[in-house]
Amino acid sequence: MSRPIWLTLAMSLDGYIADAQDGYAWITGQGDPRLDTVKRWDFDAFTAACDTVILGRRCYTLGQHLPFKGKRIIVGTRSPFNDPLVETSTDVVETVKALRNEEGPAVFVFGGAQIAQAVLAEGCLDRMVIGIVPVTLGNGIRLFEASSMTQLWTLQDVIIEDGIVILDYVRRKA
């Protein structure tokens, strides 16, 4: 049995996960709950099902690893560094492939875009939960770049919270 590899991110309507200054202040709802679904996205339950979090060096530098205390944290970086609370990997795709072959709970690919794109391009993701935030940024850091591989996904759930549409996809079985 292999470990599932999951990704969850917020994305603007025009496909960005961060603005041009690496900012995330735009990740807010529209202030109108009229279209909200009864079901809510439970990020805590999602992360509780994961024991390992993988993120990029920029996310680490921004302190985005701090909420995951107690989990195994792996930072993808071209220049390994010394932090006793995290591991580093110079080849995140190979790290993900090795983790997949271990026994254990899900692995959470937190981001950023380079990490998510590399893992997706190699066909390593099993689940993607994408929150579409009602804003266009015009520029910034894109979630999806060009890829040479077509991948099929099955929508398993849709949740709406304050104008944010949360799409939960699993890899379609061949």
N, C-alpha and C. Protein backbone atom coordinates (compact mmCIF):
# COMPACT_ATOMS: atom_id res chain seq x y z
N MET A 1 0.84 -1.19 0.00
CA MET A 1 0.00 0.00 0.00
C MET A 1 0.88 1.24 0.00
N SER A 2 0.47 2.24 -0.75
CA SER A 2 1.27 3.46 -0.80
C SER A 2 0.55 4.59 -0.08
N ARG A 3 1.34 5.54 0.34
CA ARG A 3 0.78 6.71 1.02
C ARG A 3 0.19 7.66 -0.02
N PRO A 4 -0.97 8.23 0.25
CA PRO A 4 -1.52 9.21 -0.67
C PRO A 4 -0.79 10.55 -0.55
N ILE A 5 -0.71 11.24 -1.68
CA ILE A 5 -0.06 12.55 -1.74
C ILE A 5 -1.14 13.58 -2.05
N TRP A 6 -1.33 14.53 -1.13
CA TRP A 6 -2.40 15.51 -1.25
C TRP A 6 -1.84 16.92 -1.37
N LEU A 7 -2.60 17.77 -2.06
CA LEU A 7 -2.27 19.19 -2.21
C LEU A 7 -3.52 20.00 -1.91
N THR A 8 -3.38 21.06 -1.16
CA THR A 8 -4.47 22.01 -1.01
C THR A 8 -3.90 23.43 -1.04
N LEU A 9 -4.55 24.28 -1.82
CA LEU A 9 -4.11 25.66 -1.99
C LEU A 9 -5.30 26.56 -2.29
N ALA A 10 -5.13 27.84 -2.03
CA ALA A 10 -6.09 28.84 -2.48
C ALA A 10 -5.53 29.45 -3.76
N MET A 11 -6.43 29.75 -4.69
CA MET A 11 -6.01 30.29 -5.98
C MET A 11 -6.98 31.40 -6.39
N SER A 12 -6.45 32.46 -6.97
CA SER A 12 -7.30 33.53 -7.49
C SER A 12 -8.04 33.03 -8.73
N LEU A 13 -9.07 33.75 -9.13
CA LEU A 13 -9.81 33.38 -10.33
C LEU A 13 -8.91 33.29 -11.55
N ASP A 14 -7.85 34.09 -11.59
CA ASP A 14 -6.95 34.06 -12.73
C ASP A 14 -5.71 33.18 -12.50
N GLY A 15 -5.77 32.30 -11.50
CA GLY A 15 -4.77 31.24 -11.40
C GLY A 15 -3.54 31.49 -10.55
N TYR A 16 -3.55 32.50 -9.69
CA TYR A 16 -2.38 32.80 -8.87
C TYR A 16 -2.57 32.32 -7.43
N ILE A 17 -1.48 31.86 -6.82
CA ILE A 17 -1.55 31.43 -5.41
C ILE A 17 -0.91 32.45 -4.48
N ALA A 18 -0.23 33.43 -5.04
CA ALA A 18 0.35 34.54 -4.27
C ALA A 18 0.41 35.74 -5.19
N ASP A 19 0.35 36.93 -4.60
CA ASP A 19 0.47 38.13 -5.43
C ASP A 19 1.94 38.38 -5.76
N ALA A 20 2.23 39.44 -6.47
CA ALA A 20 3.59 39.72 -6.94
C ALA A 20 4.59 39.95 -5.81
N GLN A 21 4.11 40.25 -4.60
CA GLN A 21 4.97 40.47 -3.44
C GLN A 21 4.94 39.27 -2.49
N ASP A 22 4.56 38.09 -2.98
CA ASP A 22 4.41 36.87 -2.16
C ASP A 22 3.30 37.03 -1.13
N GLY A 23 2.39 37.95 -1.34
CA GLY A 23 1.35 38.22 -0.36
C GLY A 23 0.14 37.32 -0.49
N TYR A 24 -0.57 37.18 0.64
CA TYR A 24 -1.75 36.33 0.71
C TYR A 24 -2.94 37.06 1.32
N ALA A 25 -2.83 38.36 1.52
CA ALA A 25 -3.92 39.12 2.16
C ALA A 25 -5.19 39.10 1.33
N TRP A 26 -5.09 38.79 0.05
CA TRP A 26 -6.23 38.73 -0.84
C TRP A 26 -7.09 37.48 -0.62
N ILE A 27 -6.62 36.53 0.18
CA ILE A 27 -7.37 35.30 0.41
C ILE A 27 -8.44 35.57 1.46
N THR A 28 -9.53 36.15 0.98
CA THR A 28 -10.68 36.45 1.82
C THR A 28 -11.95 36.20 1.01
N GLY A 29 -13.03 36.03 1.72
CA GLY A 29 -14.30 35.83 1.05
C GLY A 29 -14.89 37.14 0.58
N GLN A 30 -16.12 37.07 0.09
CA GLN A 30 -16.77 38.25 -0.48
C GLN A 30 -17.71 38.94 0.50
N GLY A 31 -17.85 38.39 1.71
CA GLY A 31 -18.71 39.02 2.70
C GLY A 31 -20.19 38.74 2.49
N ASP A 32 -20.50 37.66 1.78
CA ASP A 32 -21.89 37.34 1.50
C ASP A 32 -22.08 35.83 1.56
N PRO A 33 -22.75 35.33 2.59
CA PRO A 33 -22.91 33.89 2.77
C PRO A 33 -24.13 33.28 2.07
N ARG A 34 -24.84 34.03 1.25
CA ARG A 34 -26.10 33.53 0.68
C ARG A 34 -25.95 32.22 -0.10
N LEU A 35 -24.83 32.01 -0.76
CA LEU A 35 -24.65 30.80 -1.56
C LEU A 35 -23.87 29.71 -0.82
N ASP A 36 -23.56 29.93 0.45
CA ASP A 36 -22.79 28.95 1.23
C ASP A 36 -23.49 27.59 1.25
N THR A 37 -22.69 26.55 1.15
CA THR A 37 -23.21 25.19 1.33
C THR A 37 -23.26 24.89 2.82
N VAL A 38 -24.04 23.90 3.18
CA VAL A 38 -24.12 23.49 4.59
C VAL A 38 -22.77 22.93 5.02
N LYS A 39 -22.19 22.11 4.16
CA LYS A 39 -20.90 21.50 4.47
C LYS A 39 -19.80 22.57 4.43
N ARG A 40 -18.83 22.46 5.35
CA ARG A 40 -17.71 23.39 5.44
C ARG A 40 -16.40 22.65 5.20
N TRP A 41 -15.41 23.37 4.71
CA TRP A 41 -14.08 22.80 4.52
C TRP A 41 -13.42 22.71 5.89
N ASP A 42 -12.96 21.52 6.24
CA ASP A 42 -12.34 21.30 7.54
C ASP A 42 -10.84 21.11 7.34
N PHE A 43 -10.11 22.21 7.30
CA PHE A 43 -8.67 22.18 7.09
C PHE A 43 -7.98 21.41 8.21
N ASP A 44 -8.45 21.56 9.44
CA ASP A 44 -7.84 20.85 10.57
C ASP A 44 -7.96 19.34 10.39
N ALA A 45 -9.10 18.86 9.94
CA ALA A 45 -9.27 17.42 9.70
C ALA A 45 -8.38 16.96 8.55
N PHE A 46 -8.27 17.80 7.53
CA PHE A 46 -7.40 17.49 6.39
C PHE A 46 -5.96 17.31 6.86
N THR A 47 -5.46 18.27 7.62
CA THR A 47 -4.07 18.19 8.07
C THR A 47 -3.87 17.12 9.13
N ALA A 48 -4.91 16.80 9.91
CA ALA A 48 -4.79 15.74 10.91
C ALA A 48 -4.58 14.38 10.24
N ALA A 49 -5.05 14.24 9.00
CA ALA A 49 -4.90 12.99 8.27
C ALA A 49 -3.52 12.85 7.62
N CYS A 50 -2.68 13.87 7.79
CA CYS A 50 -1.34 13.88 7.21
C CYS A 50 -0.31 13.91 8.34
N ASP A 51 0.79 13.20 8.15
CA ASP A 51 1.86 13.28 9.16
C ASP A 51 3.10 13.99 8.63
N THR A 52 3.12 14.27 7.33
CA THR A 52 4.28 14.90 6.70
C THR A 52 3.80 16.07 5.86
N VAL A 53 4.51 17.20 5.96
CA VAL A 53 4.19 18.39 5.19
C VAL A 53 5.43 18.77 4.38
N ILE A 54 5.22 18.99 3.08
CA ILE A 54 6.31 19.40 2.20
C ILE A 54 6.02 20.80 1.71
N LEU A 55 7.00 21.67 1.84
CA LEU A 55 6.85 23.04 1.36
C LEU A 55 8.17 23.54 0.83
N GLY A 56 8.10 24.62 0.08
CA GLY A 56 9.29 25.21 -0.51
C GLY A 56 10.01 26.15 0.43
N ARG A 57 11.19 26.53 0.02
CA ARG A 57 12.04 27.39 0.85
C ARG A 57 11.39 28.75 1.10
N ARG A 58 10.73 29.30 0.08
CA ARG A 58 10.09 30.60 0.25
C ARG A 58 8.97 30.51 1.28
N CYS A 59 8.17 29.44 1.23
CA CYS A 59 7.11 29.24 2.24
C CYS A 59 7.72 29.11 3.63
N TYR A 60 8.83 28.38 3.71
CA TYR A 60 9.53 28.22 4.99
C TYR A 60 10.00 29.57 5.52
N THR A 61 10.63 30.36 4.64
CA THR A 61 11.14 31.68 5.04
C THR A 61 10.01 32.58 5.53
N LEU A 62 8.82 32.43 4.94
CA LEU A 62 7.66 33.22 5.35
C LEU A 62 7.00 32.68 6.63
N GLY A 63 7.57 31.60 7.19
CA GLY A 63 7.07 31.04 8.44
C GLY A 63 5.84 30.17 8.28
N GLN A 64 5.55 29.73 7.06
CA GLN A 64 4.34 28.97 6.83
C GLN A 64 4.44 27.52 7.31
N HIS A 65 5.59 27.12 7.81
CA HIS A 65 5.74 25.79 8.40
C HIS A 65 5.31 25.78 9.87
N LEU A 66 5.25 26.92 10.49
CA LEU A 66 5.00 27.01 11.93
C LEU A 66 3.68 26.38 12.40
N PRO A 67 2.59 26.48 11.64
CA PRO A 67 1.35 25.85 12.11
C PRO A 67 1.39 24.31 12.13
N PHE A 68 2.43 23.72 11.57
CA PHE A 68 2.49 22.26 11.45
C PHE A 68 3.43 21.63 12.47
N LYS A 69 3.61 22.30 13.59
CA LYS A 69 4.45 21.77 14.66
C LYS A 69 3.98 20.37 15.04
N GLY A 70 4.92 19.47 15.23
CA GLY A 70 4.59 18.09 15.57
C GLY A 70 4.50 17.16 14.37
N LYS A 71 4.51 17.73 13.18
CA LYS A 71 4.52 16.92 11.97
C LYS A 71 5.93 16.91 11.38
N ARG A 72 6.20 15.92 10.58
CA ARG A 72 7.46 15.88 9.84
C ARG A 72 7.38 16.95 8.75
N ILE A 73 8.32 17.88 8.75
CA ILE A 73 8.32 18.97 7.78
C ILE A 73 9.55 18.83 6.90
N ILE A 74 9.31 18.82 5.59
CA ILE A 74 10.40 18.72 4.62
C ILE A 74 10.36 19.97 3.76
N VAL A 75 11.49 20.67 3.70
CA VAL A 75 11.59 21.90 2.92
C VAL A 75 12.38 21.62 1.65
N GLY A 76 11.75 21.86 0.52
CA GLY A 76 12.44 21.74 -0.76
C GLY A 76 13.30 22.96 -0.98
N THR A 77 14.58 22.73 -1.21
CA THR A 77 15.51 23.85 -1.35
C THR A 77 16.71 23.43 -2.18
N ARG A 78 17.22 24.35 -2.96
CA ARG A 78 18.45 24.08 -3.72
C ARG A 78 19.68 24.21 -2.83
N SER A 79 19.53 24.93 -1.72
CA SER A 79 20.63 25.15 -0.78
C SER A 79 20.21 24.67 0.60
N PRO A 80 20.54 23.43 0.95
CA PRO A 80 20.16 22.94 2.28
C PRO A 80 20.66 23.88 3.39
N PHE A 81 19.96 23.90 4.48
CA PHE A 81 20.29 24.77 5.60
C PHE A 81 20.09 23.98 6.88
N ASN A 82 20.45 24.57 7.99
CA ASN A 82 20.37 23.86 9.25
C ASN A 82 19.26 24.42 10.13
N ASP A 83 18.20 23.63 10.28
CA ASP A 83 17.13 23.92 11.22
C ASP A 83 16.75 22.56 11.80
N PRO A 84 16.98 22.33 13.07
CA PRO A 84 16.74 21.00 13.64
C PRO A 84 15.27 20.58 13.62
N LEU A 85 14.35 21.51 13.34
CA LEU A 85 12.93 21.18 13.35
C LEU A 85 12.41 20.74 11.98
N VAL A 86 13.24 20.87 10.94
CA VAL A 86 12.80 20.48 9.60
C VAL A 86 13.89 19.66 8.91
N GLU A 87 13.46 18.93 7.90
CA GLU A 87 14.39 18.25 6.99
C GLU A 87 14.44 19.05 5.71
N THR A 88 15.48 18.86 4.92
CA THR A 88 15.55 19.52 3.62
C THR A 88 15.68 18.47 2.53
N SER A 89 15.27 18.86 1.33
CA SER A 89 15.37 18.00 0.16
C SER A 89 15.76 18.84 -1.04
N THR A 90 16.77 18.42 -1.76
CA THR A 90 17.16 19.12 -2.98
C THR A 90 16.42 18.55 -4.19
N ASP A 91 15.69 17.46 -4.01
CA ASP A 91 14.90 16.86 -5.09
C ASP A 91 13.55 16.41 -4.51
N VAL A 92 12.60 17.34 -4.50
CA VAL A 92 11.31 17.08 -3.86
C VAL A 92 10.56 15.94 -4.54
N VAL A 93 10.65 15.85 -5.86
CA VAL A 93 9.93 14.79 -6.56
C VAL A 93 10.43 13.42 -6.10
N GLU A 94 11.73 13.25 -5.99
CA GLU A 94 12.28 11.97 -5.52
C GLU A 94 11.89 11.72 -4.07
N THR A 95 11.87 12.77 -3.28
CA THR A 95 11.44 12.64 -1.87
C THR A 95 9.99 12.19 -1.80
N VAL A 96 9.12 12.79 -2.62
CA VAL A 96 7.71 12.41 -2.64
C VAL A 96 7.56 10.96 -3.09
N LYS A 97 8.30 10.56 -4.10
CA LYS A 97 8.22 9.18 -4.58
C LYS A 97 8.66 8.20 -3.48
N ALA A 98 9.69 8.55 -2.75
CA ALA A 98 10.16 7.69 -1.65
C ALA A 98 9.11 7.63 -0.54
N LEU A 99 8.52 8.77 -0.20
CA LEU A 99 7.48 8.80 0.83
C LEU A 99 6.27 7.97 0.42
N ARG A 100 5.92 8.03 -0.84
CA ARG A 100 4.78 7.26 -1.35
C ARG A 100 4.97 5.76 -1.10
N ASN A 101 6.19 5.30 -1.17
CA ASN A 101 6.47 3.87 -1.01
C ASN A 101 6.55 3.43 0.44
N GLU A 102 6.45 4.36 1.38
CA GLU A 102 6.45 4.03 2.80
C GLU A 102 5.02 3.76 3.27
N GLU A 103 4.90 3.10 4.38
CA GLU A 103 3.60 2.96 5.04
C GLU A 103 3.33 4.23 5.84
N GLY A 104 2.08 4.59 5.95
CA GLY A 104 1.74 5.73 6.78
C GLY A 104 0.61 6.54 6.22
N PRO A 105 0.25 7.61 6.94
CA PRO A 105 -0.84 8.47 6.49
C PRO A 105 -0.43 9.34 5.31
N ALA A 106 -1.34 10.19 4.88
CA ALA A 106 -1.13 11.04 3.71
C ALA A 106 0.03 12.01 3.91
N VAL A 107 0.60 12.43 2.79
CA VAL A 107 1.64 13.45 2.74
C VAL A 107 0.99 14.70 2.16
N PHE A 108 1.15 15.83 2.83
CA PHE A 108 0.54 17.09 2.43
C PHE A 108 1.57 17.95 1.72
N VAL A 109 1.36 18.15 0.42
CA VAL A 109 2.20 19.08 -0.34
C VAL A 109 1.55 20.45 -0.17
N PHE A 110 2.18 21.28 0.65
CA PHE A 110 1.62 22.57 1.01
C PHE A 110 1.88 23.63 -0.05
N GLY A 111 3.00 23.59 -0.70
CA GLY A 111 3.35 24.61 -1.69
C GLY A 111 4.76 25.07 -1.46
N GLY A 112 5.21 25.99 -2.17
CA GLY A 112 4.57 26.86 -3.12
C GLY A 112 4.43 26.24 -4.50
N ALA A 113 4.34 27.17 -5.45
CA ALA A 113 4.02 26.80 -6.82
C ALA A 113 5.05 25.87 -7.44
N GLN A 114 6.33 26.13 -7.24
CA GLN A 114 7.36 25.29 -7.86
C GLN A 114 7.26 23.86 -7.35
N ILE A 115 7.04 23.70 -6.06
CA ILE A 115 6.90 22.37 -5.47
C ILE A 115 5.64 21.70 -6.03
N ALA A 116 4.51 22.41 -6.00
CA ALA A 116 3.25 21.85 -6.48
C ALA A 116 3.35 21.47 -7.96
N GLN A 117 3.93 22.35 -8.77
CA GLN A 117 4.06 22.08 -10.20
C GLN A 117 4.94 20.87 -10.48
N ALA A 118 6.04 20.76 -9.75
CA ALA A 118 6.96 19.63 -9.97
C ALA A 118 6.30 18.31 -9.61
N VAL A 119 5.61 18.27 -8.49
CA VAL A 119 4.95 17.04 -8.04
C VAL A 119 3.79 16.68 -8.98
N LEU A 120 3.04 17.69 -9.41
CA LEU A 120 1.94 17.46 -10.34
C LEU A 120 2.47 16.97 -11.69
N ALA A 121 3.52 17.61 -12.20
CA ALA A 121 4.08 17.24 -13.50
C ALA A 121 4.56 15.79 -13.54
N GLU A 122 4.97 15.27 -12.40
CA GLU A 122 5.44 13.88 -12.33
C GLU A 122 4.31 12.90 -12.06
N GLY A 123 3.08 13.41 -11.96
CA GLY A 123 1.93 12.54 -11.73
C GLY A 123 1.88 11.96 -10.33
N CYS A 124 2.45 12.67 -9.37
CA CYS A 124 2.54 12.15 -8.00
C CYS A 124 1.35 12.51 -7.12
N LEU A 125 0.52 13.45 -7.53
CA LEU A 125 -0.59 13.86 -6.67
C LEU A 125 -1.78 12.91 -6.79
N ASP A 126 -2.41 12.61 -5.66
CA ASP A 126 -3.59 11.76 -5.63
C ASP A 126 -4.86 12.56 -5.36
N ARG A 127 -4.71 13.71 -4.73
CA ARG A 127 -5.86 14.54 -4.36
C ARG A 127 -5.43 16.00 -4.42
N MET A 128 -6.32 16.85 -4.98
CA MET A 128 -6.10 18.29 -5.00
C MET A 128 -7.36 18.96 -4.48
N VAL A 129 -7.18 19.80 -3.48
CA VAL A 129 -8.29 20.61 -2.97
C VAL A 129 -7.89 22.07 -3.24
N ILE A 130 -8.64 22.69 -4.14
CA ILE A 130 -8.31 24.05 -4.58
C ILE A 130 -9.46 24.98 -4.20
N GLY A 131 -9.15 26.01 -3.42
CA GLY A 131 -10.13 27.04 -3.09
C GLY A 131 -10.00 28.17 -4.08
N ILE A 132 -11.06 28.45 -4.83
CA ILE A 132 -11.04 29.53 -5.82
C ILE A 132 -11.57 30.79 -5.14
N VAL A 133 -10.69 31.75 -4.95
CA VAL A 133 -11.00 32.99 -4.21
C VAL A 133 -11.53 34.03 -5.21
N PRO A 134 -12.61 34.75 -4.89
CA PRO A 134 -13.22 35.69 -5.82
C PRO A 134 -12.43 36.99 -5.97
N VAL A 135 -11.27 36.85 -6.60
CA VAL A 135 -10.41 38.00 -6.88
C VAL A 135 -9.56 37.68 -8.10
N THR A 136 -9.26 38.69 -8.89
CA THR A 136 -8.26 38.54 -9.95
C THR A 136 -7.06 39.39 -9.55
N LEU A 137 -5.88 38.82 -9.69
CA LEU A 137 -4.67 39.51 -9.27
C LEU A 137 -3.90 40.15 -10.43
N GLY A 138 -4.02 39.60 -11.62
CA GLY A 138 -3.32 40.17 -12.76
C GLY A 138 -1.89 39.70 -12.91
N ASN A 139 -1.23 39.45 -11.79
CA ASN A 139 0.13 38.89 -11.82
C ASN A 139 0.44 38.31 -10.45
N GLY A 140 1.55 37.63 -10.38
CA GLY A 140 1.94 36.99 -9.14
C GLY A 140 2.57 35.63 -9.41
N ILE A 141 2.30 34.68 -8.54
CA ILE A 141 2.85 33.34 -8.67
C ILE A 141 1.73 32.40 -9.10
N ARG A 142 1.86 31.84 -10.29
CA ARG A 142 0.84 30.94 -10.85
C ARG A 142 0.90 29.57 -10.20
N LEU A 143 -0.27 28.95 -10.04
CA LEU A 143 -0.31 27.58 -9.57
C LEU A 143 0.07 26.62 -10.69
N PHE A 144 -0.55 26.77 -11.85
CA PHE A 144 -0.31 25.83 -12.94
C PHE A 144 0.47 26.50 -14.06
N GLU A 145 1.55 25.86 -14.46
CA GLU A 145 2.31 26.27 -15.63
C GLU A 145 2.12 25.19 -16.68
N ALA A 146 2.70 25.40 -17.84
CA ALA A 146 2.58 24.42 -18.92
C ALA A 146 3.16 23.08 -18.47
N SER A 147 2.46 22.03 -18.86
CA SER A 147 2.91 20.67 -18.53
C SER A 147 2.72 19.81 -19.76
N SER A 148 3.56 18.83 -19.92
CA SER A 148 3.47 17.97 -21.10
C SER A 148 2.58 16.75 -20.85
N MET A 149 2.00 16.64 -19.65
CA MET A 149 1.24 15.45 -19.32
C MET A 149 -0.21 15.81 -19.02
N THR A 150 -1.13 15.17 -19.75
CA THR A 150 -2.54 15.30 -19.44
C THR A 150 -2.86 14.40 -18.26
N GLN A 151 -3.60 14.94 -17.30
CA GLN A 151 -3.99 14.17 -16.13
C GLN A 151 -5.49 14.32 -15.93
N LEU A 152 -6.15 13.22 -15.62
CA LEU A 152 -7.59 13.23 -15.44
C LEU A 152 -7.92 13.18 -13.95
N TRP A 153 -8.93 13.97 -13.57
CA TRP A 153 -9.32 14.09 -12.17
C TRP A 153 -10.83 13.91 -12.06
N THR A 154 -11.27 13.44 -10.91
CA THR A 154 -12.69 13.27 -10.62
C THR A 154 -13.07 14.20 -9.48
N LEU A 155 -14.07 15.03 -9.72
CA LEU A 155 -14.57 15.92 -8.68
C LEU A 155 -15.33 15.10 -7.66
N GLN A 156 -14.89 15.18 -6.38
CA GLN A 156 -15.58 14.41 -5.36
C GLN A 156 -16.39 15.27 -4.40
N ASP A 157 -16.14 16.59 -4.40
CA ASP A 157 -16.93 17.44 -3.52
C ASP A 157 -16.77 18.90 -3.95
N VAL A 158 -17.82 19.68 -3.69
CA VAL A 158 -17.81 21.13 -3.91
C VAL A 158 -18.38 21.77 -2.66
N ILE A 159 -17.64 22.73 -2.14
CA ILE A 159 -18.08 23.47 -0.96
C ILE A 159 -17.98 24.95 -1.30
N ILE A 160 -18.95 25.73 -0.86
CA ILE A 160 -18.90 27.18 -1.05
C ILE A 160 -18.96 27.83 0.32
N GLU A 161 -17.97 28.68 0.59
CA GLU A 161 -17.91 29.44 1.85
C GLU A 161 -17.59 30.89 1.53
N ASP A 162 -18.54 31.77 1.74
CA ASP A 162 -18.32 33.21 1.58
C ASP A 162 -17.79 33.56 0.19
N GLY A 163 -18.31 32.88 -0.83
CA GLY A 163 -17.90 33.16 -2.20
C GLY A 163 -16.67 32.39 -2.65
N ILE A 164 -16.01 31.70 -1.76
CA ILE A 164 -14.86 30.87 -2.12
C ILE A 164 -15.40 29.48 -2.47
N VAL A 165 -15.11 29.05 -3.69
CA VAL A 165 -15.55 27.73 -4.15
C VAL A 165 -14.40 26.76 -3.93
N ILE A 166 -14.64 25.73 -3.15
CA ILE A 166 -13.61 24.75 -2.80
C ILE A 166 -13.91 23.48 -3.58
N LEU A 167 -12.98 23.12 -4.46
CA LEU A 167 -13.13 21.97 -5.34
C LEU A 167 -12.20 20.87 -4.85
N ASP A 168 -12.75 19.70 -4.56
CA ASP A 168 -11.99 18.58 -4.05
C ASP A 168 -11.94 17.49 -5.12
N TYR A 169 -10.76 17.29 -5.69
CA TYR A 169 -10.56 16.34 -6.78
C TYR A 169 -9.68 15.19 -6.35
N VAL A 170 -9.94 14.01 -6.87
CA VAL A 170 -9.05 12.86 -6.71
C VAL A 170 -8.62 12.41 -8.11
N ARG A 171 -7.42 11.84 -8.16
CA ARG A 171 -6.91 11.36 -9.45
C ARG A 171 -7.85 10.29 -9.98
N ARG A 172 -8.20 10.43 -11.25
CA ARG A 172 -9.08 9.47 -11.89
C ARG A 172 -8.30 8.19 -12.17
N LYS A 173 -8.90 7.09 -11.82
CA LYS A 173 -8.26 5.79 -12.07
C LYS A 173 -8.32 5.49 -13.56
N ALA A 174 -7.25 4.95 -14.08
CA ALA A 174 -7.18 4.64 -15.53
C ALA A 174 -8.14 3.54 -15.90
